[in-house]
Amino acid sequence: MKITAFLILLLCISAFPQEKTKVLRGATIHTVSGGTFENGDLWIKGDKIVYAGPRKDAPADAEITDASGKVIIPGLVDTHSHIGNGDGGDGSSPTQPEVRILDSINPQSDTYIKARAGGITTVNVMPGSGHLISGQTVYLKLRDGKTINDILLCPDEQNGICGGLKMANGTNSIRGVPFPGTRGKSAALLRGIYVKAAEYKKKKESAESPDKMPATDLQMEALLEVLAGKRIVHFHSHRNDDLLTAIRIQKEFGFRIVLHHVSEGWLVADEIAKAKIPCSIIMIDAPGGKLEAVNLLLKNGGILEKAGVNVAIHTDDYITDSRLLLRSGALALRGGMSEAGALRALTLSGAEMLDLQNRIGSLEKGKDADFVILSGAPFSTYTRVLETWIEGKKVFDLMNPEDRKYSEGGFEVFRNLFYDHVHTEHTEEEK
């Protein structure tokens, strides 16, 4: 009987052949976390990396692809994006922590294809910044998919947390009642809602029986996740005084925070470094936009890096086209950031700011097989994104004409499916 069972087991194993190791050989490999290797190997099996480093003997049955002359980097992590055609809070209140961008984005939007054409594999999709608290962000893997669960980075995450909380200060949230009219009132409103959350927490903790519990408040529940450190605050802020106000509020309530945009960070870099606050910055190569961002300079990333701040770079797409995130790293390099720092700012630093450094951001054994194949050095003007891979699957190929149009096409290419549907219905009604 034992022999029969063993034979059955062998037959079952042979019926389901083991997935072969894929080896990309001969490329320059920037692991980000473990050095750079000329004529290196990247091995993937299934959806994971099994090796990244100097060339070595591969398994006998490995599928070997010659990648000589190419460059391989980790998949880019965009810490601040608005792709997916979603929206957050409405005009009823300046603080709406219960709102989830997850419930409004279109999982079949072609903006994801555009991002993959730029080498982006993971995004933090934000509600807008017109509120002091505009809602909960969501972390997405840009896989092929039809539903939100297909692209949600962590669909089975405990407590349903797969994103942060978007907060803001400065001019965006200053408008008519019920919104604040000044910066001082903005800060007061933020303090007020966190004081309320702390009181709600005390009531829950002191309740002696279920019937004594306070009524569930979705706003407060979201803020409790923030106060417990389970949900990171992604804080939109530009001016130097606004940045320090954000840091003061963070210290008062003890939540985890990433400062976003940070246009005048170079003016208060030492203060940001002393507070040990990471910064996700944006790089703009031409002046313009809002007055509070007038002092955004190319030297911002370099000064923050030299001060000891952990720096990531984001698109804020559509402000920077997702296809041009590598170019933003090149601008930071031009402004004084180190080459290693600029590449880290597009990959591992961003992963750390999303609490995802154990899965993405570098080419290491055991991490998700998210990577980008480039035609040349990452920050060369002449370099093209040739291929983008997510979890061991190729999701963008420049040689594919359908993919190529998203890499090179203009506005007419990027009409999301929902827009096409609505436009078609409207046209037919007019007929």
Protein backbone atom coordinates (compact mmCIF):
# COMPACT_ATOMS: atom_id res chain seq x y z
CA MET A 1 0.00 0.00 0.00
CA LYS A 2 2.82 2.40 0.87
CA ILE A 3 4.47 1.76 -2.51
CA THR A 4 1.14 2.38 -4.29
CA ALA A 5 0.63 5.67 -2.44
CA PHE A 6 4.17 6.71 -3.31
CA LEU A 7 3.57 5.97 -7.00
CA ILE A 8 0.32 7.95 -6.94
CA LEU A 9 2.20 10.89 -5.39
CA LEU A 10 4.83 10.72 -8.14
CA LEU A 11 2.12 10.67 -10.80
CA CYS A 12 0.45 13.71 -9.24
CA ILE A 13 3.74 15.62 -9.17
CA SER A 14 4.44 14.76 -12.81
CA ALA A 15 0.93 15.88 -13.78
CA PHE A 16 1.71 19.35 -12.39
CA PRO A 17 5.22 20.19 -13.61
CA GLN A 18 7.22 22.55 -11.44
CA GLU A 19 7.61 26.09 -12.72
CA LYS A 20 11.02 26.64 -14.24
CA THR A 21 13.44 29.31 -13.10
CA LYS A 22 13.71 32.22 -15.54
CA VAL A 23 17.19 33.70 -15.83
CA LEU A 24 17.88 37.12 -17.33
CA ARG A 25 21.60 37.03 -18.06
CA GLY A 26 24.25 39.57 -18.98
CA ALA A 27 22.52 42.83 -17.98
CA THR A 28 23.81 45.49 -15.63
CA ILE A 29 21.74 44.87 -12.53
CA HIS A 30 21.06 47.63 -10.00
CA THR A 31 19.74 45.82 -6.94
CA VAL A 32 19.54 49.13 -4.99
CA SER A 33 20.00 47.31 -1.68
CA GLY A 34 23.02 45.11 -2.51
CA GLY A 35 25.12 46.82 -5.12
CA THR A 36 25.37 46.90 -8.91
CA PHE A 37 26.57 44.00 -11.04
CA GLU A 38 27.88 44.20 -14.59
CA ASN A 39 27.11 41.11 -16.67
CA GLY A 40 24.89 39.90 -13.84
CA ASP A 41 22.05 37.45 -13.38
CA LEU A 42 18.47 37.98 -12.28
CA TRP A 43 16.60 34.76 -11.51
CA ILE A 44 12.86 34.61 -10.96
CA LYS A 45 10.60 31.69 -10.14
CA GLY A 46 6.88 32.19 -10.15
CA ASP A 47 6.19 35.63 -8.73
CA LYS A 48 9.38 35.93 -6.64
CA ILE A 49 13.04 36.79 -7.11
CA VAL A 50 15.32 33.88 -6.24
CA TYR A 51 18.66 35.49 -7.06
CA ALA A 52 20.13 38.84 -8.14
CA GLY A 53 23.87 39.26 -8.43
CA PRO A 54 26.99 38.19 -10.31
CA ARG A 55 26.60 35.60 -13.04
CA LYS A 56 26.63 32.01 -11.78
CA ASP A 57 25.62 28.56 -12.95
CA ALA A 58 21.87 28.32 -13.43
CA PRO A 59 19.68 25.24 -12.88
CA ALA A 60 19.92 22.79 -15.77
CA ASP A 61 16.28 23.32 -16.77
CA ALA A 62 16.31 27.13 -16.43
CA GLU A 63 14.91 29.33 -19.19
CA ILE A 64 17.81 31.67 -19.98
CA THR A 65 17.24 35.00 -21.74
CA ASP A 66 20.19 37.00 -23.03
CA ALA A 67 19.88 40.53 -21.62
CA SER A 68 23.38 41.68 -22.61
CA GLY A 69 23.67 45.43 -23.06
CA LYS A 70 20.53 46.14 -21.08
CA VAL A 71 20.02 47.50 -17.57
CA ILE A 72 17.67 46.03 -14.96
CA ILE A 73 16.33 48.01 -12.00
CA PRO A 74 13.58 47.35 -9.44
CA GLY A 75 10.04 48.31 -10.40
CA LEU A 76 9.43 51.98 -9.71
CA VAL A 77 7.31 52.88 -6.69
CA ASP A 78 5.17 55.98 -7.12
CA THR A 79 4.34 57.19 -3.63
CA HIS A 80 1.86 59.84 -4.76
CA SER A 81 -0.37 59.37 -7.78
CA HIS A 82 -3.89 60.15 -8.94
CA ILE A 83 -4.21 57.59 -11.73
CA GLY A 84 -7.39 55.54 -11.88
CA ASN A 85 -9.81 58.46 -12.35
CA GLY A 86 -10.97 58.42 -8.72
CA ASP A 87 -12.03 61.12 -6.27
CA GLY A 88 -12.16 61.58 -2.52
CA GLY A 89 -14.07 63.88 -0.17
CA ASP A 90 -16.80 66.28 -1.27
CA GLY A 91 -17.60 69.84 -0.19
CA SER A 92 -19.57 68.93 2.94
CA SER A 93 -16.62 69.03 5.37
CA PRO A 94 -12.90 69.81 5.41
CA THR A 95 -12.13 66.57 7.28
CA GLN A 96 -13.38 63.29 5.79
CA PRO A 97 -11.12 60.45 6.99
CA GLU A 98 -13.83 57.85 6.38
CA VAL A 99 -13.76 58.34 2.58
CA ARG A 100 -11.89 55.65 0.63
CA ILE A 101 -10.38 56.34 -2.78
CA LEU A 102 -10.63 52.57 -3.28
CA ASP A 103 -14.40 52.96 -3.70
CA SER A 104 -14.12 55.45 -6.55
CA ILE A 105 -11.24 54.48 -8.81
CA ASN A 106 -11.76 52.65 -12.08
CA PRO A 107 -9.79 49.37 -11.99
CA GLN A 108 -9.93 49.18 -15.79
CA SER A 109 -8.56 52.67 -16.41
CA ASP A 110 -5.89 52.85 -19.09
CA THR A 111 -3.91 55.23 -16.90
CA TYR A 112 -2.37 52.11 -15.35
CA ILE A 113 -0.99 51.10 -18.75
CA LYS A 114 0.58 54.53 -19.07
CA ALA A 115 2.26 54.12 -15.69
CA ARG A 116 3.63 50.69 -16.63
CA ALA A 117 5.07 52.26 -19.79
CA GLY A 118 7.14 54.41 -17.42
CA GLY A 119 8.37 51.44 -15.39
CA ILE A 120 6.00 52.00 -12.47
CA THR A 121 4.83 48.80 -10.79
CA THR A 122 3.37 50.03 -7.48
CA VAL A 123 1.37 53.20 -6.78
CA ASN A 124 -0.09 54.97 -3.78
CA VAL A 125 -3.29 56.43 -5.23
CA MET A 126 -4.45 59.53 -3.36
CA PRO A 127 -7.66 61.46 -2.94
CA GLY A 128 -7.19 65.13 -3.80
CA SER A 129 -5.62 67.74 -1.52
CA GLY A 130 -8.52 70.21 -1.34
CA HIS A 131 -9.35 69.03 2.19
CA LEU A 132 -7.45 68.96 5.46
CA ILE A 133 -8.28 65.23 5.42
CA SER A 134 -9.57 64.05 2.06
CA GLY A 135 -9.68 60.32 2.76
CA GLN A 136 -7.85 57.03 2.67
CA THR A 137 -5.27 56.27 -0.01
CA VAL A 138 -4.85 52.85 -1.62
CA TYR A 139 -1.74 50.87 -2.58
CA LEU A 140 -2.03 49.18 -5.96
CA LYS A 141 0.08 46.72 -7.94
CA LEU A 142 -0.39 47.53 -11.61
CA ARG A 143 -1.20 43.97 -12.67
CA ASP A 144 -3.67 43.19 -15.42
CA GLY A 145 -7.11 43.05 -13.86
CA LYS A 146 -10.79 43.79 -14.11
CA THR A 147 -11.75 44.38 -10.48
CA ILE A 148 -10.20 46.36 -7.66
CA ASN A 149 -9.16 43.13 -5.92
CA ASP A 150 -7.13 42.18 -8.98
CA ILE A 151 -4.88 45.21 -8.52
CA LEU A 152 -5.11 45.83 -4.79
CA LEU A 153 -1.64 45.20 -3.40
CA CYS A 154 -2.87 43.59 -0.22
CA PRO A 155 -6.49 42.38 -0.64
CA ASP A 156 -6.25 40.12 2.42
CA GLU A 157 -4.51 42.63 4.70
CA GLN A 158 -5.59 42.53 8.34
CA ASN A 159 -8.25 45.15 9.21
CA GLY A 160 -8.64 45.94 5.52
CA ILE A 161 -5.79 48.45 5.66
CA CYS A 162 -4.10 48.76 2.28
CA GLY A 163 -3.23 52.44 2.16
CA GLY A 164 -2.62 55.52 4.22
CA LEU A 165 -4.55 58.68 5.08
CA LYS A 166 -4.28 61.80 2.92
CA MET A 167 -3.93 65.05 4.85
CA ALA A 168 -2.99 68.52 3.66
CA ASN A 169 -2.38 72.10 4.63
CA GLY A 170 -1.56 75.32 2.80
CA THR A 171 -3.69 77.04 0.20
CA ASN A 172 -5.54 74.04 -1.23
CA SER A 173 -7.86 73.60 1.74
CA ILE A 174 -8.37 77.33 2.45
CA ARG A 175 -11.79 78.37 1.12
CA GLY A 176 -15.31 79.28 2.24
CA VAL A 177 -17.24 77.81 5.17
CA PRO A 178 -17.25 74.99 6.29
CA PHE A 179 -13.62 74.96 5.15
CA PRO A 180 -10.98 76.99 7.00
CA GLY A 181 -10.21 80.53 5.87
CA THR A 182 -6.69 80.74 7.28
CA ARG A 183 -3.67 78.58 8.02
CA GLY A 184 -4.21 79.00 11.75
CA LYS A 185 -7.78 77.72 11.55
CA SER A 186 -6.61 74.82 9.37
CA ALA A 187 -4.24 73.65 12.10
CA ALA A 188 -6.92 74.12 14.78
CA LEU A 189 -9.41 71.97 12.88
CA LEU A 190 -6.85 69.17 12.50
CA ARG A 191 -6.03 69.26 16.20
CA GLY A 192 -9.72 69.24 17.05
CA ILE A 193 -10.57 66.08 15.13
CA TYR A 194 -7.58 64.19 16.59
CA VAL A 195 -8.57 65.26 20.11
CA LYS A 196 -12.03 63.91 19.35
CA ALA A 197 -10.48 60.64 18.12
CA ALA A 198 -8.45 60.30 21.32
CA GLU A 199 -11.63 60.79 23.39
CA TYR A 200 -13.46 58.20 21.27
CA LYS A 201 -10.63 55.77 21.93
CA LYS A 202 -10.91 56.31 25.69
CA LYS A 203 -14.65 55.65 25.60
CA LYS A 204 -14.11 52.38 23.74
CA GLU A 205 -11.37 51.27 26.11
CA SER A 206 -13.34 52.14 29.25
CA ALA A 207 -16.60 50.53 28.14
CA GLU A 208 -17.36 47.75 30.63
CA SER A 209 -19.71 45.87 28.31
CA PRO A 210 -20.66 45.88 24.61
CA ASP A 211 -23.82 47.87 25.28
CA LYS A 212 -21.69 50.63 26.83
CA MET A 213 -19.57 51.05 23.70
CA PRO A 214 -19.96 54.31 21.79
CA ALA A 215 -21.81 54.12 18.49
CA THR A 216 -19.46 53.22 15.65
CA ASP A 217 -18.10 56.35 14.00
CA LEU A 218 -16.34 55.68 10.67
CA GLN A 219 -14.37 58.92 10.87
CA MET A 220 -13.07 58.06 14.31
CA GLU A 221 -12.33 54.45 13.40
CA ALA A 222 -10.08 55.61 10.54
CA LEU A 223 -8.25 58.01 12.84
CA LEU A 224 -7.78 55.30 15.46
CA GLU A 225 -5.91 53.30 12.81
CA VAL A 226 -3.69 56.35 12.32
CA LEU A 227 -3.12 56.86 16.06
CA ALA A 228 -2.26 53.15 16.43
CA GLY A 229 0.39 53.43 13.71
CA LYS A 230 -1.48 51.05 11.40
CA ARG A 231 -2.22 53.69 8.77
CA ILE A 232 0.47 56.15 7.64
CA VAL A 233 -0.41 59.81 7.12
CA HIS A 234 0.58 61.12 3.68
CA PHE A 235 0.69 64.87 4.23
CA HIS A 236 0.54 67.33 1.30
CA SER A 237 2.56 70.43 2.19
CA HIS A 238 4.69 72.96 0.27
CA ARG A 239 5.78 76.04 2.23
CA ASN A 240 8.46 75.86 4.90
CA ASP A 241 6.08 77.09 7.63
CA ASP A 242 3.40 74.60 6.57
CA LEU A 243 5.95 71.77 6.70
CA LEU A 244 6.87 72.65 10.27
CA THR A 245 3.19 72.95 11.23
CA ALA A 246 2.64 69.41 9.93
CA ILE A 247 5.59 68.20 12.01
CA ARG A 248 4.25 69.94 15.13
CA ILE A 249 0.86 68.28 14.77
CA GLN A 250 2.52 64.91 14.17
CA LYS A 251 4.52 65.28 17.38
CA GLU A 252 1.44 66.24 19.37
CA PHE A 253 -0.51 63.13 18.39
CA GLY A 254 2.29 60.67 17.64
CA PHE A 255 1.12 59.35 14.28
CA ARG A 256 3.45 58.19 11.51
CA ILE A 257 3.87 60.67 8.68
CA VAL A 258 5.40 61.15 5.24
CA LEU A 259 5.63 64.73 3.98
CA HIS A 260 4.63 65.07 0.33
CA HIS A 261 5.74 67.60 -2.30
CA VAL A 262 7.93 69.50 0.23
CA SER A 263 8.66 72.34 -2.23
CA GLU A 264 10.50 74.43 0.38
CA GLY A 265 12.06 71.47 2.17
CA TRP A 266 15.51 72.77 1.29
CA LEU A 267 14.83 75.79 3.52
CA VAL A 268 14.15 73.62 6.60
CA ALA A 269 16.06 70.44 5.72
CA ASP A 270 17.84 70.22 9.09
CA GLU A 271 14.55 70.53 10.98
CA ILE A 272 12.97 67.79 8.88
CA ALA A 273 16.00 65.55 9.41
CA LYS A 274 15.97 66.18 13.16
CA ALA A 275 12.31 65.13 13.27
CA LYS A 276 13.23 61.96 11.30
CA ILE A 277 10.38 62.55 8.88
CA PRO A 278 10.67 61.00 5.38
CA CYS A 279 9.85 63.17 2.38
CA SER A 280 8.25 62.25 -0.93
CA ILE A 281 9.14 65.09 -3.26
CA ILE A 282 8.11 66.16 -6.73
CA MET A 283 10.52 67.41 -9.38
CA ILE A 284 9.29 70.04 -11.84
CA ASP A 285 11.59 71.18 -14.64
CA ALA A 286 9.75 74.44 -15.38
CA PRO A 287 8.36 77.15 -13.07
CA GLY A 288 4.65 77.71 -12.74
CA GLY A 289 1.69 76.35 -10.83
CA LYS A 290 0.65 77.68 -7.42
CA LEU A 291 2.38 80.53 -5.61
CA GLU A 292 3.28 78.42 -2.55
CA ALA A 293 5.39 76.17 -4.81
CA VAL A 294 7.38 79.03 -6.36
CA ASN A 295 10.50 78.04 -4.40
CA LEU A 296 10.55 74.45 -5.65
CA LEU A 297 14.11 74.07 -6.96
CA LEU A 298 16.02 71.18 -8.49
CA LYS A 299 18.45 71.28 -5.56
CA ASN A 300 15.70 70.28 -3.11
CA GLY A 301 16.36 66.52 -3.23
CA GLY A 302 20.12 66.89 -2.93
CA ILE A 303 19.90 69.20 0.08
CA LEU A 304 17.41 66.93 1.84
CA GLU A 305 19.58 63.88 1.08
CA LYS A 306 22.70 65.56 2.45
CA ALA A 307 20.80 66.53 5.61
CA GLY A 308 20.01 62.85 6.21
CA VAL A 309 16.36 62.81 5.15
CA ASN A 310 14.95 59.66 3.53
CA VAL A 311 13.78 60.98 0.13
CA ALA A 312 11.41 59.47 -2.42
CA ILE A 313 10.28 61.02 -5.70
CA HIS A 314 6.71 60.86 -6.99
CA THR A 315 4.72 61.94 -10.04
CA ASP A 316 1.51 63.40 -8.59
CA ASP A 317 0.24 62.25 -11.99
CA TYR A 318 -1.04 64.18 -13.93
CA ILE A 319 1.37 66.91 -12.66
CA THR A 320 4.21 64.71 -13.88
CA ASP A 321 3.26 62.14 -16.50
CA SER A 322 3.75 58.62 -15.08
CA ARG A 323 5.84 57.79 -18.13
CA LEU A 324 8.44 60.33 -17.01
CA LEU A 325 9.20 59.27 -13.43
CA LEU A 326 12.73 58.18 -14.36
CA ARG A 327 13.24 61.66 -15.78
CA SER A 328 12.30 63.12 -12.40
CA GLY A 329 15.14 61.12 -10.88
CA ALA A 330 17.47 62.55 -13.51
CA LEU A 331 16.38 66.09 -12.58
CA ALA A 332 17.11 65.35 -8.91
CA LEU A 333 20.55 64.07 -9.95
CA ARG A 334 21.13 67.22 -11.95
CA GLY A 335 20.19 69.27 -8.87
CA GLY A 336 22.78 67.61 -6.66
CA MET A 337 21.32 64.33 -5.47
CA SER A 338 23.63 61.33 -5.67
CA GLU A 339 22.97 58.80 -8.44
CA ALA A 340 22.46 56.02 -5.90
CA GLY A 341 20.17 58.26 -3.88
CA ALA A 342 18.10 59.21 -6.91
CA LEU A 343 17.59 55.57 -7.90
CA ARG A 344 16.73 54.65 -4.31
CA ALA A 345 14.26 57.56 -4.26
CA LEU A 346 12.36 55.93 -7.11
CA THR A 347 12.35 52.45 -5.60
CA LEU A 348 13.29 51.35 -2.08
CA SER A 349 12.75 54.67 -0.30
CA GLY A 350 9.21 54.82 -1.65
CA ALA A 351 8.60 51.22 -0.59
CA GLU A 352 9.72 52.11 2.94
CA MET A 353 7.30 55.02 3.05
CA LEU A 354 4.45 52.64 2.25
CA ASP A 355 5.63 49.94 4.71
CA LEU A 356 6.24 47.63 1.75
CA GLN A 357 10.03 47.32 1.86
CA ASN A 358 9.80 43.60 2.63
CA ARG A 359 8.04 42.98 -0.68
CA ILE A 360 9.20 45.58 -3.19
CA GLY A 361 11.73 48.32 -3.88
CA SER A 362 14.91 46.28 -4.46
CA LEU A 363 16.07 43.17 -6.28
CA GLU A 364 16.51 40.66 -3.46
CA LYS A 365 15.79 37.00 -2.90
CA GLY A 366 12.25 36.49 -1.71
CA LYS A 367 10.88 39.81 -2.89
CA ASP A 368 8.20 40.23 -5.53
CA ALA A 369 9.59 39.86 -9.05
CA ASP A 370 8.87 43.48 -9.98
CA PHE A 371 11.53 44.94 -12.26
CA VAL A 372 12.17 47.12 -15.29
CA ILE A 373 14.42 46.40 -18.26
CA LEU A 374 16.01 49.55 -19.67
CA SER A 375 17.92 50.19 -22.87
CA GLY A 376 20.69 52.03 -21.03
CA ALA A 377 21.69 53.86 -17.85
CA PRO A 378 18.66 54.78 -15.71
CA PHE A 379 19.13 58.54 -15.94
CA SER A 380 20.35 58.91 -19.50
CA THR A 381 18.30 61.10 -21.82
CA TYR A 382 18.46 58.34 -24.42
CA THR A 383 17.27 55.48 -22.22
CA ARG A 384 13.93 53.82 -22.95
CA VAL A 385 11.80 51.54 -20.81
CA LEU A 386 11.84 48.31 -22.81
CA GLU A 387 9.89 46.01 -20.51
CA THR A 388 8.06 46.20 -17.18
CA TRP A 389 7.48 43.05 -15.11
CA ILE A 390 5.18 42.61 -12.13
CA GLU A 391 5.31 39.48 -9.98
CA GLY A 392 7.16 37.54 -12.68
CA LYS A 393 4.83 38.55 -15.52
CA LYS A 394 5.63 40.95 -18.35
CA VAL A 395 3.02 43.72 -18.29
CA PHE A 396 4.65 46.16 -20.73
CA ASP A 397 6.74 45.51 -23.84
CA LEU A 398 7.89 48.39 -26.01
CA MET A 399 8.10 46.02 -28.98
CA ASN A 400 4.37 45.29 -28.67
CA PRO A 401 2.56 47.88 -30.86
CA GLU A 402 -0.40 48.06 -28.46
CA ASP A 403 1.93 48.80 -25.54
CA ARG A 404 4.09 51.14 -27.57
CA LYS A 405 1.22 53.50 -28.31
CA TYR A 406 0.80 54.05 -24.57
CA SER A 407 4.49 54.82 -24.29
CA GLU A 408 4.58 57.29 -27.17
CA GLY A 409 0.99 58.37 -27.82
CA GLY A 410 -0.64 61.68 -26.99
CA PHE A 411 -3.85 62.57 -25.17
CA GLU A 412 -6.08 60.77 -27.68
CA VAL A 413 -4.68 57.42 -26.49
CA PHE A 414 -5.60 57.94 -22.85
CA ARG A 415 -9.37 57.79 -22.75
CA ASN A 416 -10.38 55.49 -19.91
CA LEU A 417 -13.06 52.89 -20.49
CA PHE A 418 -15.64 54.66 -18.31
CA TYR A 419 -15.24 57.88 -20.28
CA ASP A 420 -15.64 56.01 -23.56
CA HIS A 421 -18.80 54.34 -22.23
CA VAL A 422 -20.38 57.58 -21.02
CA HIS A 423 -19.42 59.46 -24.17
CA THR A 424 -20.94 56.73 -26.35
CA GLU A 425 -24.21 56.74 -24.38
CA HIS A 426 -24.41 60.54 -24.54
CA THR A 427 -23.86 60.55 -28.30
CA GLU A 428 -26.58 57.93 -28.84
CA GLU A 429 -29.08 59.91 -26.75
CA GLU A 430 -28.39 63.01 -28.82
CA LYS A 431 -29.12 60.99 -31.96
